[in-house]
Amino acid sequence: MKIKSICVLAIMLLALAGGSLNLLAQRGGGAGGRGGAAAGPANPFLGNAPAIDQGREMYNQTCTTCHGPDGAAGEMGPALGAPARRYAQGTDAQIFEAIKNGIPATQMPPFGTQLSDDDVWKVAAYIRGLRGTAIDAPAAGDAASGEQIFWAKGQCGNCHVVKGKGGLVGPDLTNLAGTRKTASIVDALTKPIHKVFGDGGAIPRILIPNTTYQPVRVTAADGKVITGVLKNEDSYSLQIMGTDNQLHMFDRARVKVVYEPTSLMPTDYDKRLTADEFRNLLAFLTRLYVAAPPPAPARGGGGVG
């Protein structure tokens, strides 16, 4: 029994180590992509933002007809950017090979005569970024200008916190790019109807308000109306975080409560902002990232794995 327990523990530790290596590879810190060194050479441009931008441009020129923008699937090819999809070409080397030499017995043609090896690697780096979150392939644009738009014209900071600064009505966005895909961020800014990327493709779904941020409108006994998000409620009391970023507490029996069906989040930023302003805002949002802390050392001072 003791030997069996030791074997189980060893397997768990190896799995944890493998997961850490996979994350490092996705963020540009590991070699060989998900498959490690045995899966072929590492992409020399993984994590290189300027090179990924170039890969995006080449993807838009050569790949969107079949595979769609942002890897969301096109008329002829499958989605290349859907998380949880089971990809036949998963490692850096496999993606490189598929782009350069095509895939036999499929409609995927070779691009080795049109693109240099470096260019193929750049496109592959962009595709790998599409499969991760926004930080793996940040949007092009002036992030510094986008930050100014976030706090000023966009008024995003009225509701959202970034690095301890901002409003309390909406979610903290400090690690937005580490948790959401670029396409998802764009949709949240522009569409009440949202495509949720899952295993096998994109499924249209209507975005309902997150229950953690349920919008409510409370009319007090004196006629005063407070709009905000529900923080807590029971049979006798109600607490909401108002759009004035103040916490309001009510005697439930003395107020009228309306649970709003739509989010407080505006979905028309593509109309509120100019094309350049929107592009720069997206550049800022897709770079909001907090790196995971390094794993704690194993007992005795050694590293895990």
C-alpha atoms as a PDB file:
ATOM      1  CA  MET A   1       0.000   0.000   0.000  1.00  0.00           C
ATOM      2  CA  LYS A   2       2.832   2.373   0.825  1.00  0.00           C
ATOM      3  CA  ILE A   3       4.496   1.743  -2.561  1.00  0.00           C
ATOM      4  CA  LYS A   4       1.154   2.329  -4.317  1.00  0.00           C
ATOM      5  CA  SER A   5       0.708   5.656  -2.507  1.00  0.00           C
ATOM      6  CA  ILE A   6       4.197   6.781  -3.510  1.00  0.00           C
ATOM      7  CA  CYS A   7       3.459   5.922  -7.167  1.00  0.00           C
ATOM      8  CA  VAL A   8       0.196   7.864  -7.115  1.00  0.00           C
ATOM      9  CA  LEU A   9       1.975  10.880  -5.587  1.00  0.00           C
ATOM     10  CA  ALA A  10       4.692  10.719  -8.239  1.00  0.00           C
ATOM     11  CA  ILE A  11       2.105  10.682 -11.030  1.00  0.00           C
ATOM     12  CA  MET A  12       0.348  13.707  -9.509  1.00  0.00           C
ATOM     13  CA  LEU A  13       3.621  15.635  -9.257  1.00  0.00           C
ATOM     14  CA  LEU A  14       4.477  14.841 -12.882  1.00  0.00           C
ATOM     15  CA  ALA A  15       1.037  16.029 -13.982  1.00  0.00           C
ATOM     16  CA  LEU A  16       1.476  19.297 -12.092  1.00  0.00           C
ATOM     17  CA  ALA A  17       4.905  19.824 -13.615  1.00  0.00           C
ATOM     18  CA  GLY A  18       3.518  19.146 -17.099  1.00  0.00           C
ATOM     19  CA  GLY A  19       0.725  21.659 -16.568  1.00  0.00           C
ATOM     20  CA  SER A  20       3.240  24.323 -15.540  1.00  0.00           C
ATOM     21  CA  LEU A  21       5.331  23.642 -18.636  1.00  0.00           C
ATOM     22  CA  ASN A  22       2.270  23.892 -20.867  1.00  0.00           C
ATOM     23  CA  LEU A  23       1.368  27.290 -19.417  1.00  0.00           C
ATOM     24  CA  LEU A  24       4.937  28.517 -19.795  1.00  0.00           C
ATOM     25  CA  ALA A  25       4.971  27.392 -23.412  1.00  0.00           C
ATOM     26  CA  GLN A  26       1.728  29.204 -24.150  1.00  0.00           C
ATOM     27  CA  ARG A  27       3.031  32.425 -22.570  1.00  0.00           C
ATOM     28  CA  GLY A  28       6.266  32.141 -24.546  1.00  0.00           C
ATOM     29  CA  GLY A  29       8.371  30.759 -21.695  1.00  0.00           C
ATOM     30  CA  GLY A  30       8.768  27.126 -22.697  1.00  0.00           C
ATOM     31  CA  ALA A  31      10.285  25.192 -25.550  1.00  0.00           C
ATOM     32  CA  GLY A  32       8.498  23.168 -28.133  1.00  0.00           C
ATOM     33  CA  GLY A  33       4.922  24.218 -27.456  1.00  0.00           C
ATOM     34  CA  ARG A  34       2.505  21.851 -25.738  1.00  0.00           C
ATOM     35  CA  GLY A  35       4.381  18.789 -26.811  1.00  0.00           C
ATOM     36  CA  GLY A  36       7.762  19.859 -25.409  1.00  0.00           C
ATOM     37  CA  ALA A  37      11.102  19.465 -27.173  1.00  0.00           C
ATOM     38  CA  ALA A  38      10.187  15.964 -28.416  1.00  0.00           C
ATOM     39  CA  ALA A  39       7.360  17.437 -30.501  1.00  0.00           C
ATOM     40  CA  GLY A  40       9.724  19.402 -32.719  1.00  0.00           C
ATOM     41  CA  PRO A  41      11.492  22.776 -32.677  1.00  0.00           C
ATOM     42  CA  ALA A  42      10.091  25.635 -30.627  1.00  0.00           C
ATOM     43  CA  ASN A  43       8.616  28.629 -32.410  1.00  0.00           C
ATOM     44  CA  PRO A  44      11.340  31.314 -32.353  1.00  0.00           C
ATOM     45  CA  PHE A  45       8.688  34.064 -32.355  1.00  0.00           C
ATOM     46  CA  LEU A  46       6.393  32.796 -29.593  1.00  0.00           C
ATOM     47  CA  GLY A  47       5.784  35.675 -27.173  1.00  0.00           C
ATOM     48  CA  ASN A  48       7.367  38.213 -29.569  1.00  0.00           C
ATOM     49  CA  ALA A  49       4.647  40.890 -29.864  1.00  0.00           C
ATOM     50  CA  PRO A  50       5.981  42.643 -33.030  1.00  0.00           C
ATOM     51  CA  ALA A  51       6.405  39.286 -34.787  1.00  0.00           C
ATOM     52  CA  ILE A  52       2.911  38.185 -33.724  1.00  0.00           C
ATOM     53  CA  ASP A  53       1.542  41.452 -35.144  1.00  0.00           C
ATOM     54  CA  GLN A  54       3.224  40.586 -38.449  1.00  0.00           C
ATOM     55  CA  GLY A  55       1.786  37.079 -38.217  1.00  0.00           C
ATOM     56  CA  ARG A  56      -1.668  38.602 -37.717  1.00  0.00           C
ATOM     57  CA  GLU A  57      -1.292  40.667 -40.890  1.00  0.00           C
ATOM     58  CA  MET A  58      -0.227  37.635 -42.917  1.00  0.00           C
ATOM     59  CA  TYR A  59      -3.050  35.552 -41.414  1.00  0.00           C
ATOM     60  CA  ASN A  60      -5.572  38.237 -42.397  1.00  0.00           C
ATOM     61  CA  GLN A  61      -4.206  38.248 -45.961  1.00  0.00           C
ATOM     62  CA  THR A  62      -4.000  34.499 -46.523  1.00  0.00           C
ATOM     63  CA  CYS A  63      -6.083  32.559 -43.982  1.00  0.00           C
ATOM     64  CA  THR A  64      -9.327  34.378 -43.152  1.00  0.00           C
ATOM     65  CA  THR A  65     -11.130  33.257 -46.328  1.00  0.00           C
ATOM     66  CA  CYS A  66     -11.112  29.672 -45.091  1.00  0.00           C
ATOM     67  CA  HIS A  67     -10.611  29.943 -41.338  1.00  0.00           C
ATOM     68  CA  GLY A  68     -12.387  33.212 -40.570  1.00  0.00           C
ATOM     69  CA  PRO A  69     -11.210  36.287 -38.624  1.00  0.00           C
ATOM     70  CA  ASP A  70      -9.773  35.650 -35.168  1.00  0.00           C
ATOM     71  CA  GLY A  71      -9.773  31.910 -35.855  1.00  0.00           C
ATOM     72  CA  ALA A  72     -13.546  31.692 -35.407  1.00  0.00           C
ATOM     73  CA  ALA A  73     -14.097  29.361 -38.404  1.00  0.00           C
ATOM     74  CA  GLY A  74     -14.848  30.343 -41.994  1.00  0.00           C
ATOM     75  CA  GLU A  75     -16.643  28.982 -45.021  1.00  0.00           C
ATOM     76  CA  MET A  76     -14.181  26.163 -45.711  1.00  0.00           C
ATOM     77  CA  GLY A  77     -11.864  25.702 -42.735  1.00  0.00           C
ATOM     78  CA  PRO A  78     -12.341  24.874 -39.044  1.00  0.00           C
ATOM     79  CA  ALA A  79     -11.929  27.307 -36.151  1.00  0.00           C
ATOM     80  CA  LEU A  80      -8.254  27.736 -35.303  1.00  0.00           C
ATOM     81  CA  GLY A  81      -8.755  29.757 -32.135  1.00  0.00           C
ATOM     82  CA  ALA A  82     -11.453  27.908 -30.192  1.00  0.00           C
ATOM     83  CA  PRO A  83     -10.281  26.821 -26.737  1.00  0.00           C
ATOM     84  CA  ALA A  84     -11.116  23.228 -25.763  1.00  0.00           C
ATOM     85  CA  ARG A  85     -11.146  22.171 -29.412  1.00  0.00           C
ATOM     86  CA  ARG A  86      -9.238  18.964 -30.082  1.00  0.00           C
ATOM     87  CA  TYR A  87      -6.650  20.056 -32.647  1.00  0.00           C
ATOM     88  CA  ALA A  88      -4.892  17.660 -34.985  1.00  0.00           C
ATOM     89  CA  GLN A  89      -2.059  20.212 -35.227  1.00  0.00           C
ATOM     90  CA  GLY A  90      -1.365  21.183 -31.629  1.00  0.00           C
ATOM     91  CA  THR A  91       2.363  21.799 -31.299  1.00  0.00           C
ATOM     92  CA  ASP A  92       4.396  24.619 -32.806  1.00  0.00           C
ATOM     93  CA  ALA A  93       6.131  22.243 -35.204  1.00  0.00           C
ATOM     94  CA  GLN A  94       2.832  20.689 -36.342  1.00  0.00           C
ATOM     95  CA  ILE A  95       1.271  24.090 -37.019  1.00  0.00           C
ATOM     96  CA  PHE A  96       4.400  25.133 -38.934  1.00  0.00           C
ATOM     97  CA  GLU A  97       4.302  21.934 -40.995  1.00  0.00           C
ATOM     98  CA  ALA A  98       0.590  22.338 -41.816  1.00  0.00           C
ATOM     99  CA  ILE A  99       1.062  25.919 -43.024  1.00  0.00           C
ATOM    100  CA  LYS A 100       4.234  25.305 -44.979  1.00  0.00           C
ATOM    101  CA  ASN A 101       3.432  21.958 -46.618  1.00  0.00           C
ATOM    102  CA  GLY A 102      -0.350  21.756 -46.339  1.00  0.00           C
ATOM    103  CA  ILE A 103      -2.311  18.771 -45.041  1.00  0.00           C
ATOM    104  CA  PRO A 104      -2.651  15.798 -47.418  1.00  0.00           C
ATOM    105  CA  ALA A 105      -6.172  14.634 -48.309  1.00  0.00           C
ATOM    106  CA  THR A 106      -7.681  17.910 -47.112  1.00  0.00           C
ATOM    107  CA  GLN A 107      -8.399  21.329 -48.623  1.00  0.00           C
ATOM    108  CA  MET A 108      -5.471  22.846 -46.712  1.00  0.00           C
ATOM    109  CA  PRO A 109      -2.922  23.941 -49.369  1.00  0.00           C
ATOM    110  CA  PRO A 110       0.818  24.492 -48.828  1.00  0.00           C
ATOM    111  CA  PHE A 111       2.034  28.069 -48.337  1.00  0.00           C
ATOM    112  CA  GLY A 112       5.745  27.317 -48.378  1.00  0.00           C
ATOM    113  CA  THR A 113       6.143  28.895 -51.816  1.00  0.00           C
ATOM    114  CA  GLN A 114       4.392  32.111 -50.718  1.00  0.00           C
ATOM    115  CA  LEU A 115       5.849  32.564 -47.243  1.00  0.00           C
ATOM    116  CA  SER A 116       9.389  32.239 -45.926  1.00  0.00           C
ATOM    117  CA  ASP A 117      10.037  29.923 -42.989  1.00  0.00           C
ATOM    118  CA  ASP A 118      10.237  32.945 -40.670  1.00  0.00           C
ATOM    119  CA  ASP A 119       6.868  34.177 -41.925  1.00  0.00           C
ATOM    120  CA  VAL A 120       5.314  30.735 -41.409  1.00  0.00           C
ATOM    121  CA  TRP A 121       6.608  30.739 -37.835  1.00  0.00           C
ATOM    122  CA  LYS A 122       5.086  34.186 -37.277  1.00  0.00           C
ATOM    123  CA  VAL A 123       1.681  33.048 -38.525  1.00  0.00           C
ATOM    124  CA  ALA A 124       1.992  29.957 -36.328  1.00  0.00           C
ATOM    125  CA  ALA A 125       2.778  32.179 -33.322  1.00  0.00           C
ATOM    126  CA  TYR A 126      -0.364  34.211 -34.025  1.00  0.00           C
ATOM    127  CA  ILE A 127      -2.480  31.046 -34.284  1.00  0.00           C
ATOM    128  CA  ARG A 128      -1.077  29.778 -30.996  1.00  0.00           C
ATOM    129  CA  GLY A 129      -1.974  33.150 -29.484  1.00  0.00           C
ATOM    130  CA  LEU A 130      -5.554  32.781 -30.715  1.00  0.00           C
ATOM    131  CA  ARG A 131      -5.824  29.528 -28.795  1.00  0.00           C
ATOM    132  CA  GLY A 132      -4.700  31.172 -25.597  1.00  0.00           C
ATOM    133  CA  THR A 133      -6.040  34.353 -24.041  1.00  0.00           C
ATOM    134  CA  ALA A 134      -5.642  37.945 -25.202  1.00  0.00           C
ATOM    135  CA  ILE A 135      -2.182  38.360 -23.690  1.00  0.00           C
ATOM    136  CA  ASP A 136      -0.869  35.620 -25.995  1.00  0.00           C
ATOM    137  CA  ALA A 137      -1.666  37.768 -29.059  1.00  0.00           C
ATOM    138  CA  PRO A 138      -2.427  41.349 -27.934  1.00  0.00           C
ATOM    139  CA  ALA A 139      -4.327  43.559 -30.333  1.00  0.00           C
ATOM    140  CA  ALA A 140      -2.389  46.032 -32.458  1.00  0.00           C
ATOM    141  CA  GLY A 141      -2.602  49.684 -31.489  1.00  0.00           C
ATOM    142  CA  ASP A 142      -1.280  52.354 -29.139  1.00  0.00           C
ATOM    143  CA  ALA A 143      -1.817  50.914 -25.655  1.00  0.00           C
ATOM    144  CA  ALA A 144      -0.780  54.163 -23.932  1.00  0.00           C
ATOM    145  CA  SER A 145      -3.450  56.094 -25.828  1.00  0.00           C
ATOM    146  CA  GLY A 146      -5.892  53.291 -25.105  1.00  0.00           C
ATOM    147  CA  GLU A 147      -5.242  53.670 -21.383  1.00  0.00           C
ATOM    148  CA  GLN A 148      -6.150  57.374 -21.595  1.00  0.00           C
ATOM    149  CA  ILE A 149      -9.375  56.474 -23.428  1.00  0.00           C
ATOM    150  CA  PHE A 150     -10.171  53.882 -20.747  1.00  0.00           C
ATOM    151  CA  TRP A 151     -10.053  56.500 -17.978  1.00  0.00           C
ATOM    152  CA  ALA A 152     -11.432  59.479 -19.936  1.00  0.00           C
ATOM    153  CA  LYS A 153     -13.663  59.276 -23.016  1.00  0.00           C
ATOM    154  CA  GLY A 154     -14.533  55.599 -22.595  1.00  0.00           C
ATOM    155  CA  GLN A 155     -15.450  56.109 -18.908  1.00  0.00           C
ATOM    156  CA  CYS A 156     -14.550  52.464 -18.278  1.00  0.00           C
ATOM    157  CA  GLY A 157     -12.856  53.331 -14.996  1.00  0.00           C
ATOM    158  CA  ASN A 158     -16.166  54.573 -13.590  1.00  0.00           C
ATOM    159  CA  CYS A 159     -17.211  50.946 -13.142  1.00  0.00           C
ATOM    160  CA  HIS A 160     -14.027  48.861 -13.375  1.00  0.00           C
ATOM    161  CA  VAL A 161     -10.858  48.600 -11.291  1.00  0.00           C
ATOM    162  CA  VAL A 162      -7.401  48.248 -12.852  1.00  0.00           C
ATOM    163  CA  LYS A 163      -4.484  47.779 -10.458  1.00  0.00           C
ATOM    164  CA  GLY A 164      -6.412  49.160  -7.482  1.00  0.00           C
ATOM    165  CA  LYS A 165      -7.757  52.243  -9.290  1.00  0.00           C
ATOM    166  CA  GLY A 166     -11.308  52.735 -10.565  1.00  0.00           C
ATOM    167  CA  GLY A 167     -14.948  52.003  -9.786  1.00  0.00           C
ATOM    168  CA  LEU A 168     -16.446  49.091  -7.904  1.00  0.00           C
ATOM    169  CA  VAL A 169     -19.628  48.414  -9.869  1.00  0.00           C
ATOM    170  CA  GLY A 170     -18.115  46.023 -12.426  1.00  0.00           C
ATOM    171  CA  PRO A 171     -15.469  43.288 -12.400  1.00  0.00           C
ATOM    172  CA  ASP A 172     -11.804  43.969 -11.718  1.00  0.00           C
ATOM    173  CA  LEU A 173     -10.026  44.053 -15.102  1.00  0.00           C
ATOM    174  CA  THR A 174      -6.436  43.903 -13.839  1.00  0.00           C
ATOM    175  CA  ASN A 175      -5.946  40.422 -15.333  1.00  0.00           C
ATOM    176  CA  LEU A 176      -8.479  40.700 -18.172  1.00  0.00           C
ATOM    177  CA  ALA A 177      -6.021  39.639 -20.894  1.00  0.00           C
ATOM    178  CA  GLY A 178      -4.998  36.619 -18.853  1.00  0.00           C
ATOM    179  CA  THR A 179      -8.558  35.299 -18.596  1.00  0.00           C
ATOM    180  CA  ARG A 180     -10.417  36.358 -21.759  1.00  0.00           C
ATOM    181  CA  LYS A 181      -9.797  35.969 -25.475  1.00  0.00           C
ATOM    182  CA  THR A 182      -9.502  39.069 -27.661  1.00  0.00           C
ATOM    183  CA  ALA A 183     -12.645  38.136 -29.595  1.00  0.00           C
ATOM    184  CA  SER A 184     -14.554  37.839 -26.322  1.00  0.00           C
ATOM    185  CA  ILE A 185     -13.374  41.289 -25.200  1.00  0.00           C
ATOM    186  CA  VAL A 186     -14.426  42.798 -28.526  1.00  0.00           C
ATOM    187  CA  ASP A 187     -17.859  41.178 -28.270  1.00  0.00           C
ATOM    188  CA  ALA A 188     -18.334  42.424 -24.699  1.00  0.00           C
ATOM    189  CA  LEU A 189     -17.644  45.970 -25.935  1.00  0.00           C
ATOM    190  CA  THR A 190     -19.805  45.814 -29.041  1.00  0.00           C
ATOM    191  CA  LYS A 191     -22.455  43.071 -28.990  1.00  0.00           C
ATOM    192  CA  PRO A 192     -25.415  42.140 -26.811  1.00  0.00           C
ATOM    193  CA  ILE A 193     -25.385  38.896 -28.814  1.00  0.00           C
ATOM    194  CA  HIS A 194     -22.180  37.016 -28.139  1.00  0.00           C
ATOM    195  CA  LYS A 195     -20.472  33.977 -29.638  1.00  0.00           C
ATOM    196  CA  VAL A 196     -19.167  31.642 -26.968  1.00  0.00           C
ATOM    197  CA  PHE A 197     -16.230  29.572 -28.206  1.00  0.00           C
ATOM    198  CA  GLY A 198     -16.370  25.994 -27.017  1.00  0.00           C
ATOM    199  CA  ASP A 199     -15.400  22.483 -28.025  1.00  0.00           C
ATOM    200  CA  GLY A 200     -16.111  22.098 -31.728  1.00  0.00           C
ATOM    201  CA  GLY A 201     -16.844  25.677 -32.747  1.00  0.00           C
ATOM    202  CA  ALA A 202     -18.731  28.857 -31.929  1.00  0.00           C
ATOM    203  CA  ILE A 203     -22.208  28.683 -30.418  1.00  0.00           C
ATOM    204  CA  PRO A 204     -24.344  31.858 -30.519  1.00  0.00           C
ATOM    205  CA  ARG A 205     -25.701  32.701 -27.095  1.00  0.00           C
ATOM    206  CA  ILE A 206     -27.371  35.762 -25.609  1.00  0.00           C
ATOM    207  CA  LEU A 207     -25.254  37.283 -22.886  1.00  0.00           C
ATOM    208  CA  ILE A 208     -27.379  37.475 -19.753  1.00  0.00           C
ATOM    209  CA  PRO A 209     -26.112  39.512 -16.794  1.00  0.00           C
ATOM    210  CA  ASN A 210     -23.575  37.721 -14.657  1.00  0.00           C
ATOM    211  CA  THR A 211     -25.359  36.766 -11.432  1.00  0.00           C
ATOM    212  CA  THR A 212     -22.425  38.229  -9.509  1.00  0.00           C
ATOM    213  CA  TYR A 213     -23.282  41.602 -11.074  1.00  0.00           C
ATOM    214  CA  GLN A 214     -27.086  41.440 -11.289  1.00  0.00           C
ATOM    215  CA  PRO A 215     -28.358  44.935 -12.277  1.00  0.00           C
ATOM    216  CA  VAL A 216     -31.132  46.291 -10.054  1.00  0.00           C
ATOM    217  CA  ARG A 217     -33.168  49.467  -9.775  1.00  0.00           C
ATOM    218  CA  VAL A 218     -34.390  50.356  -6.300  1.00  0.00           C
ATOM    219  CA  THR A 219     -37.051  52.979  -5.622  1.00  0.00           C
ATOM    220  CA  ALA A 220     -37.010  54.151  -2.025  1.00  0.00           C
ATOM    221  CA  ALA A 221     -40.035  55.300   0.014  1.00  0.00           C
ATOM    222  CA  ASP A 222     -39.170  58.953  -0.685  1.00  0.00           C
ATOM    223  CA  GLY A 223     -39.151  58.298  -4.464  1.00  0.00           C
ATOM    224  CA  LYS A 224     -35.360  58.348  -4.841  1.00  0.00           C
ATOM    225  CA  VAL A 225     -34.106  55.827  -7.424  1.00  0.00           C
ATOM    226  CA  ILE A 226     -30.764  54.018  -7.031  1.00  0.00           C
ATOM    227  CA  THR A 227     -29.359  51.956  -9.887  1.00  0.00           C
ATOM    228  CA  GLY A 228     -26.513  49.520  -9.423  1.00  0.00           C
ATOM    229  CA  VAL A 229     -25.621  45.865  -8.969  1.00  0.00           C
ATOM    230  CA  LEU A 230     -26.892  43.518  -6.293  1.00  0.00           C
ATOM    231  CA  LYS A 231     -24.326  42.658  -3.634  1.00  0.00           C
ATOM    232  CA  ASN A 232     -26.484  40.856  -1.063  1.00  0.00           C
ATOM    233  CA  GLU A 233     -30.130  40.314  -0.180  1.00  0.00           C
ATOM    234  CA  ASP A 234     -32.337  38.354   2.197  1.00  0.00           C
ATOM    235  CA  SER A 235     -35.975  38.475   3.297  1.00  0.00           C
ATOM    236  CA  TYR A 236     -35.452  41.677   5.268  1.00  0.00           C
ATOM    237  CA  SER A 237     -32.625  43.692   3.726  1.00  0.00           C
ATOM    238  CA  LEU A 238     -30.993  44.599   0.449  1.00  0.00           C
ATOM    239  CA  GLN A 239     -27.524  45.902  -0.358  1.00  0.00           C
ATOM    240  CA  ILE A 240     -26.471  47.227  -3.757  1.00  0.00           C
ATOM    241  CA  MET A 241     -23.357  48.874  -5.118  1.00  0.00           C
ATOM    242  CA  GLY A 242     -24.721  51.939  -6.866  1.00  0.00           C
ATOM    243  CA  THR A 243     -23.438  53.478 -10.068  1.00  0.00           C
ATOM    244  CA  ASP A 244     -22.212  56.245  -7.749  1.00  0.00           C
ATOM    245  CA  ASN A 245     -19.762  53.640  -6.359  1.00  0.00           C
ATOM    246  CA  GLN A 246     -21.408  53.831  -2.942  1.00  0.00           C
ATOM    247  CA  LEU A 247     -22.809  50.870  -1.023  1.00  0.00           C
ATOM    248  CA  HIS A 248     -26.527  51.363  -0.327  1.00  0.00           C
ATOM    249  CA  MET A 249     -28.457  49.342   2.277  1.00  0.00           C
ATOM    250  CA  PHE A 250     -32.251  49.192   2.364  1.00  0.00           C
ATOM    251  CA  ASP A 251     -35.082  47.804   4.453  1.00  0.00           C
ATOM    252  CA  ARG A 252     -36.600  45.481   1.871  1.00  0.00           C
ATOM    253  CA  ALA A 253     -40.184  46.103   3.061  1.00  0.00           C
ATOM    254  CA  ARG A 254     -39.826  49.821   2.378  1.00  0.00           C
ATOM    255  CA  VAL A 255     -38.507  49.769  -1.197  1.00  0.00           C
ATOM    256  CA  LYS A 256     -39.529  48.620  -4.661  1.00  0.00           C
ATOM    257  CA  VAL A 257     -36.938  46.441  -6.404  1.00  0.00           C
ATOM    258  CA  VAL A 258     -36.687  45.788 -10.140  1.00  0.00           C
ATOM    259  CA  TYR A 259     -34.197  43.169 -11.397  1.00  0.00           C
ATOM    260  CA  GLU A 260     -33.014  44.468 -14.754  1.00  0.00           C
ATOM    261  CA  PRO A 261     -32.732  41.902 -17.591  1.00  0.00           C
ATOM    262  CA  THR A 262     -29.843  43.668 -19.331  1.00  0.00           C
ATOM    263  CA  SER A 263     -26.348  44.405 -18.102  1.00  0.00           C
ATOM    264  CA  LEU A 264     -25.188  47.879 -17.100  1.00  0.00           C
ATOM    265  CA  MET A 265     -22.250  47.323 -19.447  1.00  0.00           C
ATOM    266  CA  PRO A 266     -22.617  49.386 -22.667  1.00  0.00           C
ATOM    267  CA  THR A 267     -22.218  47.402 -25.885  1.00  0.00           C
ATOM    268  CA  ASP A 268     -21.770  50.231 -28.391  1.00  0.00           C
ATOM    269  CA  TYR A 269     -18.148  51.254 -27.877  1.00  0.00           C
ATOM    270  CA  ASP A 270     -17.509  50.802 -31.586  1.00  0.00           C
ATOM    271  CA  LYS A 271     -19.958  53.692 -32.083  1.00  0.00           C
ATOM    272  CA  ARG A 272     -18.985  55.790 -29.056  1.00  0.00           C
ATOM    273  CA  LEU A 273     -15.350  55.815 -30.140  1.00  0.00           C
ATOM    274  CA  THR A 274     -13.622  56.428 -33.454  1.00  0.00           C
ATOM    275  CA  ALA A 275     -12.031  53.450 -35.193  1.00  0.00           C
ATOM    276  CA  ASP A 276      -8.550  54.479 -33.981  1.00  0.00           C
ATOM    277  CA  GLU A 277      -9.769  55.090 -30.432  1.00  0.00           C
ATOM    278  CA  PHE A 278     -11.447  51.693 -30.309  1.00  0.00           C
ATOM    279  CA  ARG A 279      -8.328  49.999 -31.688  1.00  0.00           C
ATOM    280  CA  ASN A 280      -6.145  51.700 -29.066  1.00  0.00           C
ATOM    281  CA  LEU A 281      -8.551  50.845 -26.246  1.00  0.00           C
ATOM    282  CA  LEU A 282      -8.447  47.214 -27.341  1.00  0.00           C
ATOM    283  CA  ALA A 283      -4.644  47.345 -27.429  1.00  0.00           C
ATOM    284  CA  PHE A 284      -4.692  48.475 -23.785  1.00  0.00           C
ATOM    285  CA  LEU A 285      -7.269  45.924 -22.638  1.00  0.00           C
ATOM    286  CA  THR A 286      -5.521  42.991 -24.303  1.00  0.00           C
ATOM    287  CA  ARG A 287      -2.340  43.771 -22.354  1.00  0.00           C
ATOM    288  CA  LEU A 288      -3.908  43.795 -18.872  1.00  0.00           C
ATOM    289  CA  TYR A 289      -2.165  40.766 -17.424  1.00  0.00           C
ATOM    290  CA  VAL A 290      -0.910  39.528 -14.076  1.00  0.00           C
ATOM    291  CA  ALA A 291       1.599  36.701 -14.339  1.00  0.00           C
ATOM    292  CA  ALA A 292       0.974  33.690 -12.141  1.00  0.00           C
ATOM    293  CA  PRO A 293       3.339  33.461  -9.171  1.00  0.00           C
ATOM    294  CA  PRO A 294       6.081  30.846  -9.415  1.00  0.00           C
ATOM    295  CA  PRO A 295       5.235  27.511  -7.787  1.00  0.00           C
ATOM    296  CA  ALA A 296       6.247  27.151  -4.169  1.00  0.00           C
ATOM    297  CA  PRO A 297       9.387  25.060  -3.691  1.00  0.00           C
ATOM    298  CA  ALA A 298       8.878  21.504  -2.541  1.00  0.00           C
ATOM    299  CA  ARG A 299       9.658  20.647   1.048  1.00  0.00           C
ATOM    300  CA  GLY A 300      13.373  20.350   1.535  1.00  0.00           C
ATOM    301  CA  GLY A 301      14.125  23.226  -0.877  1.00  0.00           C
ATOM    302  CA  GLY A 302      13.892  21.363  -4.168  1.00  0.00           C
ATOM    303  CA  GLY A 303      11.677  22.312  -7.102  1.00  0.00           C
ATOM    304  CA  VAL A 304       8.630  20.265  -8.070  1.00  0.00           C
ATOM    305  CA  GLY A 305       9.212  17.906 -10.986  1.00  0.00           C
END
